[in-house]
Amino acid sequence: METKKILIIEDEPSISDMLAFSMRKEGYGVKTAESGREGLELFTRWKPDLLLLDLMLPDMTGFDVCRQVLEASNTPIIMLTARTDTFDRILGIESGADDYITKPFDIREVIVRIKAVFRRIELTAEAVEHMSSQVLNLGYGITLEKEKREVRKNGVPVVLTQKEYELLQCFAEHKGRVFSRSELLDKVWGFEVVIDTRTVDIHVQRIRKKLDEPNRPSLIETVFGIGYKLVQQG
């Protein structure tokens, strides 16, 4: 089995060293960075499988790093921070992070969260292998290829974050069905992360921004007072 690679972006050496030591004991390949810019450069060169990202960095915020990483990839991100404000937690998840851990933390919890993220990705890949229809036509020239986890608009690939993709796939596999925000949170985010239903609204807005066109009905329709559905054409 290929060794999973984890990039740690953390400016406190004691925390970074502890995380790196523990991750290596678990068999992961590890590299560390002490600033956002250094981390982004290392991310581009090394292409890790997961990012452990401190929220407060000396040159930029973890939110900014998260957004830049997810503009070009769907790499899972777990944020680390000493701030316990619920707003920061929600903002971190809405920025595209998969999980959010507050300091001080038990290193065993971090390991469990990392394994949970990797396991969720493996289960998704296993499910894809058993799907009969690999390509879904969403309409408006948009297709979703499940085997590659790739979305195309008029034949051109569209970069979606992991959660944006999973949310869109959920809609695509149940075209015309209305989902409440709570249902979508349960299906896409699962039980590991406790977040506000507004997160669904933010992700739907981002999908619309990437896939919709002016003067055309949105691919994802808002059902007032309930939630959302993927429009049925024809």
C-alpha atoms as a PDB file:
ATOM      1  CA  MET A   1       0.000   0.000   0.000  1.00  0.00           C
ATOM      2  CA  GLU A   2       1.306   3.424  -0.927  1.00  0.00           C
ATOM      3  CA  THR A   3       2.425   5.561   2.016  1.00  0.00           C
ATOM      4  CA  LYS A   4       0.072   8.467   2.670  1.00  0.00           C
ATOM      5  CA  LYS A   5       1.763  11.873   2.788  1.00  0.00           C
ATOM      6  CA  ILE A   6       0.813  14.523   5.350  1.00  0.00           C
ATOM      7  CA  LEU A   7       1.918  18.151   5.233  1.00  0.00           C
ATOM      8  CA  ILE A   8       1.914  20.014   8.560  1.00  0.00           C
ATOM      9  CA  ILE A   9       1.763  23.820   8.396  1.00  0.00           C
ATOM     10  CA  GLU A  10       2.321  24.970  11.980  1.00  0.00           C
ATOM     11  CA  ASP A  11       4.507  27.810  13.282  1.00  0.00           C
ATOM     12  CA  GLU A  12       5.015  26.469  16.822  1.00  0.00           C
ATOM     13  CA  PRO A  13       8.016  24.072  16.620  1.00  0.00           C
ATOM     14  CA  SER A  14       7.002  22.070  19.704  1.00  0.00           C
ATOM     15  CA  ILE A  15       3.569  21.294  18.227  1.00  0.00           C
ATOM     16  CA  SER A  16       4.919  20.702  14.736  1.00  0.00           C
ATOM     17  CA  ASP A  17       7.613  18.329  16.004  1.00  0.00           C
ATOM     18  CA  MET A  18       5.133  16.386  18.156  1.00  0.00           C
ATOM     19  CA  LEU A  19       2.705  16.000  15.255  1.00  0.00           C
ATOM     20  CA  ALA A  20       5.448  14.994  12.817  1.00  0.00           C
ATOM     21  CA  PHE A  21       6.896  12.430  15.231  1.00  0.00           C
ATOM     22  CA  SER A  22       3.469  10.899  15.915  1.00  0.00           C
ATOM     23  CA  MET A  23       2.463  10.811  12.243  1.00  0.00           C
ATOM     24  CA  ARG A  24       5.717   9.098  11.268  1.00  0.00           C
ATOM     25  CA  LYS A  25       5.141   6.476  13.999  1.00  0.00           C
ATOM     26  CA  GLU A  26       1.802   5.773  12.312  1.00  0.00           C
ATOM     27  CA  GLY A  27       3.622   5.116   9.051  1.00  0.00           C
ATOM     28  CA  TYR A  28       2.830   8.356   7.226  1.00  0.00           C
ATOM     29  CA  GLY A  29       5.285  10.370   5.164  1.00  0.00           C
ATOM     30  CA  VAL A  30       5.569  13.830   6.745  1.00  0.00           C
ATOM     31  CA  LYS A  31       6.895  17.263   5.846  1.00  0.00           C
ATOM     32  CA  THR A  32       6.518  20.480   7.841  1.00  0.00           C
ATOM     33  CA  ALA A  33       6.349  24.214   7.144  1.00  0.00           C
ATOM     34  CA  GLU A  34       6.326  27.172   9.545  1.00  0.00           C
ATOM     35  CA  SER A  35       4.512  29.735   7.378  1.00  0.00           C
ATOM     36  CA  GLY A  36       1.670  29.897   4.906  1.00  0.00           C
ATOM     37  CA  ARG A  37       3.838  30.743   1.907  1.00  0.00           C
ATOM     38  CA  GLU A  38       6.373  28.029   2.698  1.00  0.00           C
ATOM     39  CA  GLY A  39       3.519  25.582   3.143  1.00  0.00           C
ATOM     40  CA  LEU A  40       1.908  26.494  -0.173  1.00  0.00           C
ATOM     41  CA  GLU A  41       5.201  26.101  -2.033  1.00  0.00           C
ATOM     42  CA  LEU A  42       5.806  22.727  -0.387  1.00  0.00           C
ATOM     43  CA  PHE A  43       2.231  21.677  -1.113  1.00  0.00           C
ATOM     44  CA  THR A  44       2.690  22.394  -4.827  1.00  0.00           C
ATOM     45  CA  ARG A  45       5.974  20.480  -5.040  1.00  0.00           C
ATOM     46  CA  TRP A  46       5.196  17.516  -2.776  1.00  0.00           C
ATOM     47  CA  LYS A  47       1.442  17.017  -3.397  1.00  0.00           C
ATOM     48  CA  PRO A  48       0.456  15.588   0.013  1.00  0.00           C
ATOM     49  CA  ASP A  49      -2.619  13.419   0.622  1.00  0.00           C
ATOM     50  CA  LEU A  50      -3.743  15.469   3.638  1.00  0.00           C
ATOM     51  CA  LEU A  51      -2.972  18.849   5.155  1.00  0.00           C
ATOM     52  CA  LEU A  52      -2.799  19.623   8.891  1.00  0.00           C
ATOM     53  CA  LEU A  53      -3.163  23.390   8.947  1.00  0.00           C
ATOM     54  CA  ASP A  54      -2.752  25.858  11.814  1.00  0.00           C
ATOM     55  CA  LEU A  55      -5.248  28.715  11.691  1.00  0.00           C
ATOM     56  CA  MET A  56      -2.898  31.433  12.992  1.00  0.00           C
ATOM     57  CA  LEU A  57       0.282  31.680  10.919  1.00  0.00           C
ATOM     58  CA  PRO A  58       2.883  34.496  10.915  1.00  0.00           C
ATOM     59  CA  ASP A  59       2.310  35.651   7.324  1.00  0.00           C
ATOM     60  CA  MET A  60      -1.280  34.711   6.448  1.00  0.00           C
ATOM     61  CA  THR A  61      -4.313  33.016   7.962  1.00  0.00           C
ATOM     62  CA  GLY A  62      -5.060  29.352   7.679  1.00  0.00           C
ATOM     63  CA  PHE A  63      -8.320  30.335   5.967  1.00  0.00           C
ATOM     64  CA  ASP A  64      -6.327  31.937   3.147  1.00  0.00           C
ATOM     65  CA  VAL A  65      -4.074  28.895   2.805  1.00  0.00           C
ATOM     66  CA  CYS A  66      -7.116  26.625   2.778  1.00  0.00           C
ATOM     67  CA  ARG A  67      -8.807  28.587  -0.006  1.00  0.00           C
ATOM     68  CA  GLN A  68      -5.669  28.643  -2.170  1.00  0.00           C
ATOM     69  CA  VAL A  69      -5.106  24.902  -1.759  1.00  0.00           C
ATOM     70  CA  LEU A  70      -8.702  24.078  -2.649  1.00  0.00           C
ATOM     71  CA  GLU A  71      -8.731  26.318  -5.709  1.00  0.00           C
ATOM     72  CA  ALA A  72      -6.519  23.755  -7.448  1.00  0.00           C
ATOM     73  CA  SER A  73      -7.132  20.470  -5.589  1.00  0.00           C
ATOM     74  CA  ASN A  74      -9.546  18.501  -3.421  1.00  0.00           C
ATOM     75  CA  THR A  75      -6.923  17.583  -0.804  1.00  0.00           C
ATOM     76  CA  PRO A  76      -8.547  17.002   2.613  1.00  0.00           C
ATOM     77  CA  ILE A  77      -7.661  19.607   5.250  1.00  0.00           C
ATOM     78  CA  ILE A  78      -7.833  19.417   9.038  1.00  0.00           C
ATOM     79  CA  MET A  79      -7.473  22.794  10.765  1.00  0.00           C
ATOM     80  CA  LEU A  80      -5.679  23.191  14.100  1.00  0.00           C
ATOM     81  CA  THR A  81      -6.246  26.250  16.272  1.00  0.00           C
ATOM     82  CA  ALA A  82      -6.124  27.570  19.821  1.00  0.00           C
ATOM     83  CA  ARG A  83      -9.265  29.597  19.115  1.00  0.00           C
ATOM     84  CA  THR A  84     -12.471  27.961  20.335  1.00  0.00           C
ATOM     85  CA  ASP A  85     -14.932  30.466  18.890  1.00  0.00           C
ATOM     86  CA  THR A  86     -17.832  28.669  17.189  1.00  0.00           C
ATOM     87  CA  PHE A  87     -17.744  31.261  14.404  1.00  0.00           C
ATOM     88  CA  ASP A  88     -14.143  30.312  13.581  1.00  0.00           C
ATOM     89  CA  ARG A  89     -15.090  26.648  13.532  1.00  0.00           C
ATOM     90  CA  ILE A  90     -17.951  27.317  11.110  1.00  0.00           C
ATOM     91  CA  LEU A  91     -15.757  29.573   8.978  1.00  0.00           C
ATOM     92  CA  GLY A  92     -13.085  26.893   8.826  1.00  0.00           C
ATOM     93  CA  ILE A  93     -15.534  24.276   7.576  1.00  0.00           C
ATOM     94  CA  GLU A  94     -17.098  26.751   5.158  1.00  0.00           C
ATOM     95  CA  SER A  95     -13.625  27.510   3.791  1.00  0.00           C
ATOM     96  CA  GLY A  96     -13.504  23.891   2.692  1.00  0.00           C
ATOM     97  CA  ALA A  97     -11.753  22.200   5.627  1.00  0.00           C
ATOM     98  CA  ASP A  98     -12.848  18.655   6.404  1.00  0.00           C
ATOM     99  CA  ASP A  99     -12.371  18.919  10.154  1.00  0.00           C
ATOM    100  CA  TYR A 100     -11.378  21.361  12.900  1.00  0.00           C
ATOM    101  CA  ILE A 101      -9.420  20.501  16.069  1.00  0.00           C
ATOM    102  CA  THR A 102      -8.831  22.941  18.926  1.00  0.00           C
ATOM    103  CA  LYS A 103      -5.635  23.197  20.967  1.00  0.00           C
ATOM    104  CA  PRO A 104      -4.593  21.799  23.330  1.00  0.00           C
ATOM    105  CA  PHE A 105      -5.440  18.441  21.803  1.00  0.00           C
ATOM    106  CA  ASP A 106      -4.736  14.798  22.527  1.00  0.00           C
ATOM    107  CA  ILE A 107      -2.493  13.471  19.756  1.00  0.00           C
ATOM    108  CA  ARG A 108      -4.589  10.305  19.726  1.00  0.00           C
ATOM    109  CA  GLU A 109      -7.600  12.366  18.704  1.00  0.00           C
ATOM    110  CA  VAL A 110      -5.654  13.876  15.797  1.00  0.00           C
ATOM    111  CA  ILE A 111      -4.635  10.415  14.617  1.00  0.00           C
ATOM    112  CA  VAL A 112      -8.226   9.168  14.824  1.00  0.00           C
ATOM    113  CA  ARG A 113      -9.486  12.176  12.838  1.00  0.00           C
ATOM    114  CA  ILE A 114      -6.827  11.653  10.149  1.00  0.00           C
ATOM    115  CA  LYS A 115      -7.675   7.973   9.832  1.00  0.00           C
ATOM    116  CA  ALA A 116     -11.379   8.840   9.643  1.00  0.00           C
ATOM    117  CA  VAL A 117     -10.751  11.197   6.720  1.00  0.00           C
ATOM    118  CA  PHE A 118      -8.638   8.631   4.846  1.00  0.00           C
ATOM    119  CA  ARG A 119     -11.169   5.883   5.555  1.00  0.00           C
ATOM    120  CA  ARG A 120     -14.017   8.025   4.241  1.00  0.00           C
ATOM    121  CA  ILE A 121     -12.088   8.591   1.007  1.00  0.00           C
ATOM    122  CA  GLU A 122     -11.372   4.832   0.705  1.00  0.00           C
ATOM    123  CA  LEU A 123     -15.040   3.958   1.238  1.00  0.00           C
ATOM    124  CA  THR A 124     -16.032   6.439  -1.454  1.00  0.00           C
ATOM    125  CA  ALA A 125     -13.525   4.884  -3.861  1.00  0.00           C
ATOM    126  CA  GLU A 126     -14.789   1.371  -3.045  1.00  0.00           C
ATOM    127  CA  ALA A 127     -18.367   2.461  -3.662  1.00  0.00           C
ATOM    128  CA  VAL A 128     -17.387   3.933  -7.017  1.00  0.00           C
ATOM    129  CA  GLU A 129     -16.023   0.549  -8.139  1.00  0.00           C
ATOM    130  CA  HIS A 130     -19.486  -0.966  -7.756  1.00  0.00           C
ATOM    131  CA  MET A 131     -21.421   1.756  -9.548  1.00  0.00           C
ATOM    132  CA  SER A 132     -23.008   0.672 -12.806  1.00  0.00           C
ATOM    133  CA  SER A 133     -23.292   4.131 -14.354  1.00  0.00           C
ATOM    134  CA  GLN A 134     -19.996   5.987 -14.110  1.00  0.00           C
ATOM    135  CA  VAL A 135     -20.962   9.169 -15.937  1.00  0.00           C
ATOM    136  CA  LEU A 136     -23.969  11.262 -14.941  1.00  0.00           C
ATOM    137  CA  ASN A 137     -25.393  13.915 -17.246  1.00  0.00           C
ATOM    138  CA  LEU A 138     -26.600  16.803 -15.102  1.00  0.00           C
ATOM    139  CA  GLY A 139     -27.834  18.941 -17.996  1.00  0.00           C
ATOM    140  CA  TYR A 140     -26.632  22.325 -19.276  1.00  0.00           C
ATOM    141  CA  GLY A 141     -23.549  20.580 -20.699  1.00  0.00           C
ATOM    142  CA  ILE A 142     -22.417  19.437 -17.243  1.00  0.00           C
ATOM    143  CA  THR A 143     -21.287  15.870 -16.565  1.00  0.00           C
ATOM    144  CA  LEU A 144     -20.039  14.091 -13.466  1.00  0.00           C
ATOM    145  CA  GLU A 145     -17.716  11.109 -13.879  1.00  0.00           C
ATOM    146  CA  LYS A 146     -17.746   9.142 -10.652  1.00  0.00           C
ATOM    147  CA  GLU A 147     -14.760   6.908 -11.325  1.00  0.00           C
ATOM    148  CA  LYS A 148     -12.465   9.908 -11.770  1.00  0.00           C
ATOM    149  CA  ARG A 149     -14.432  12.135  -9.350  1.00  0.00           C
ATOM    150  CA  GLU A 150     -14.383  14.689 -12.148  1.00  0.00           C
ATOM    151  CA  VAL A 151     -16.921  17.310 -13.191  1.00  0.00           C
ATOM    152  CA  ARG A 152     -16.903  18.841 -16.673  1.00  0.00           C
ATOM    153  CA  LYS A 153     -18.723  21.846 -18.073  1.00  0.00           C
ATOM    154  CA  ASN A 154     -18.993  21.774 -21.869  1.00  0.00           C
ATOM    155  CA  GLY A 155     -16.110  19.299 -21.868  1.00  0.00           C
ATOM    156  CA  VAL A 156     -13.827  21.454 -19.692  1.00  0.00           C
ATOM    157  CA  PRO A 157     -12.866  20.125 -16.205  1.00  0.00           C
ATOM    158  CA  VAL A 158     -14.182  22.174 -13.275  1.00  0.00           C
ATOM    159  CA  VAL A 159     -12.219  22.132 -10.011  1.00  0.00           C
ATOM    160  CA  LEU A 160     -14.471  21.397  -7.033  1.00  0.00           C
ATOM    161  CA  THR A 161     -13.430  20.860  -3.444  1.00  0.00           C
ATOM    162  CA  GLN A 162     -14.031  17.421  -1.974  1.00  0.00           C
ATOM    163  CA  LYS A 163     -17.213  18.543  -0.201  1.00  0.00           C
ATOM    164  CA  GLU A 164     -18.489  20.476  -3.214  1.00  0.00           C
ATOM    165  CA  TYR A 165     -18.035  17.344  -5.333  1.00  0.00           C
ATOM    166  CA  GLU A 166     -19.717  15.056  -2.798  1.00  0.00           C
ATOM    167  CA  LEU A 167     -22.624  17.472  -2.440  1.00  0.00           C
ATOM    168  CA  LEU A 168     -23.075  17.695  -6.213  1.00  0.00           C
ATOM    169  CA  GLN A 169     -22.864  13.913  -6.571  1.00  0.00           C
ATOM    170  CA  CYS A 170     -25.542  13.523  -3.922  1.00  0.00           C
ATOM    171  CA  PHE A 171     -27.841  15.786  -5.942  1.00  0.00           C
ATOM    172  CA  ALA A 172     -26.901  14.102  -9.238  1.00  0.00           C
ATOM    173  CA  GLU A 173     -27.700  10.605  -7.990  1.00  0.00           C
ATOM    174  CA  HIS A 174     -31.139  11.752  -6.832  1.00  0.00           C
ATOM    175  CA  LYS A 175     -32.114  14.189  -9.572  1.00  0.00           C
ATOM    176  CA  GLY A 176     -35.374  15.962  -8.763  1.00  0.00           C
ATOM    177  CA  ARG A 177     -35.424  14.878  -5.121  1.00  0.00           C
ATOM    178  CA  VAL A 178     -35.674  17.656  -2.536  1.00  0.00           C
ATOM    179  CA  PHE A 179     -33.132  17.455   0.295  1.00  0.00           C
ATOM    180  CA  SER A 180     -33.345  19.422   3.511  1.00  0.00           C
ATOM    181  CA  ARG A 181     -30.158  21.095   4.721  1.00  0.00           C
ATOM    182  CA  SER A 182     -29.982  18.697   7.664  1.00  0.00           C
ATOM    183  CA  GLU A 183     -30.208  15.695   5.328  1.00  0.00           C
ATOM    184  CA  LEU A 184     -27.380  17.064   3.209  1.00  0.00           C
ATOM    185  CA  LEU A 185     -25.209  17.694   6.273  1.00  0.00           C
ATOM    186  CA  ASP A 186     -25.749  14.092   7.362  1.00  0.00           C
ATOM    187  CA  LYS A 187     -25.057  12.603   3.922  1.00  0.00           C
ATOM    188  CA  VAL A 188     -22.046  14.731   2.951  1.00  0.00           C
ATOM    189  CA  TRP A 189     -20.379  15.812   6.203  1.00  0.00           C
ATOM    190  CA  GLY A 190     -21.450  12.923   8.417  1.00  0.00           C
ATOM    191  CA  PHE A 191     -21.377  12.735  12.175  1.00  0.00           C
ATOM    192  CA  GLU A 192     -17.714  13.611  12.744  1.00  0.00           C
ATOM    193  CA  VAL A 193     -18.173  17.369  12.408  1.00  0.00           C
ATOM    194  CA  VAL A 194     -20.856  19.415  14.147  1.00  0.00           C
ATOM    195  CA  ILE A 195     -21.592  22.452  11.985  1.00  0.00           C
ATOM    196  CA  ASP A 196     -24.403  24.832  11.140  1.00  0.00           C
ATOM    197  CA  THR A 197     -26.808  24.170   8.261  1.00  0.00           C
ATOM    198  CA  ARG A 198     -25.633  27.485   6.744  1.00  0.00           C
ATOM    199  CA  THR A 199     -22.588  25.540   5.585  1.00  0.00           C
ATOM    200  CA  VAL A 200     -24.806  23.815   2.993  1.00  0.00           C
ATOM    201  CA  ASP A 201     -25.929  27.211   1.659  1.00  0.00           C
ATOM    202  CA  ILE A 202     -22.317  28.356   1.295  1.00  0.00           C
ATOM    203  CA  HIS A 203     -21.317  25.220  -0.631  1.00  0.00           C
ATOM    204  CA  VAL A 204     -24.359  25.385  -2.905  1.00  0.00           C
ATOM    205  CA  GLN A 205     -23.484  29.021  -3.702  1.00  0.00           C
ATOM    206  CA  ARG A 206     -19.944  27.969  -4.631  1.00  0.00           C
ATOM    207  CA  ILE A 207     -21.151  25.164  -6.877  1.00  0.00           C
ATOM    208  CA  ARG A 208     -23.523  27.577  -8.597  1.00  0.00           C
ATOM    209  CA  LYS A 209     -20.733  30.096  -9.111  1.00  0.00           C
ATOM    210  CA  LYS A 210     -18.604  27.442 -10.828  1.00  0.00           C
ATOM    211  CA  LEU A 211     -21.314  25.775 -12.929  1.00  0.00           C
ATOM    212  CA  ASP A 212     -24.155  28.217 -13.593  1.00  0.00           C
ATOM    213  CA  GLU A 213     -24.379  30.700 -16.456  1.00  0.00           C
ATOM    214  CA  PRO A 214     -26.058  34.142 -16.612  1.00  0.00           C
ATOM    215  CA  ASN A 215     -29.637  34.215 -17.966  1.00  0.00           C
ATOM    216  CA  ARG A 216     -30.081  30.491 -17.294  1.00  0.00           C
ATOM    217  CA  PRO A 217     -31.888  28.723 -14.448  1.00  0.00           C
ATOM    218  CA  SER A 218     -29.553  27.443 -11.746  1.00  0.00           C
ATOM    219  CA  LEU A 219     -28.544  23.792 -11.874  1.00  0.00           C
ATOM    220  CA  ILE A 220     -29.433  23.509  -8.184  1.00  0.00           C
ATOM    221  CA  GLU A 221     -32.867  24.881  -7.354  1.00  0.00           C
ATOM    222  CA  THR A 222     -33.780  26.330  -3.965  1.00  0.00           C
ATOM    223  CA  VAL A 223     -37.008  24.861  -2.575  1.00  0.00           C
ATOM    224  CA  PHE A 224     -38.320  27.576  -0.278  1.00  0.00           C
ATOM    225  CA  GLY A 225     -38.647  26.532   3.342  1.00  0.00           C
ATOM    226  CA  ILE A 226     -37.168  23.062   2.729  1.00  0.00           C
ATOM    227  CA  GLY A 227     -33.783  22.918   1.006  1.00  0.00           C
ATOM    228  CA  TYR A 228     -32.445  22.154  -2.473  1.00  0.00           C
ATOM    229  CA  LYS A 229     -32.804  19.853  -5.457  1.00  0.00           C
ATOM    230  CA  LEU A 230     -31.059  19.292  -8.779  1.00  0.00           C
ATOM    231  CA  VAL A 231     -33.322  20.456 -11.591  1.00  0.00           C
ATOM    232  CA  GLN A 232     -34.749  17.909 -13.995  1.00  0.00           C
ATOM    233  CA  GLN A 233     -34.588  18.915 -17.637  1.00  0.00           C
ATOM    234  CA  GLY A 234     -36.699  17.745 -20.507  1.00  0.00           C
END
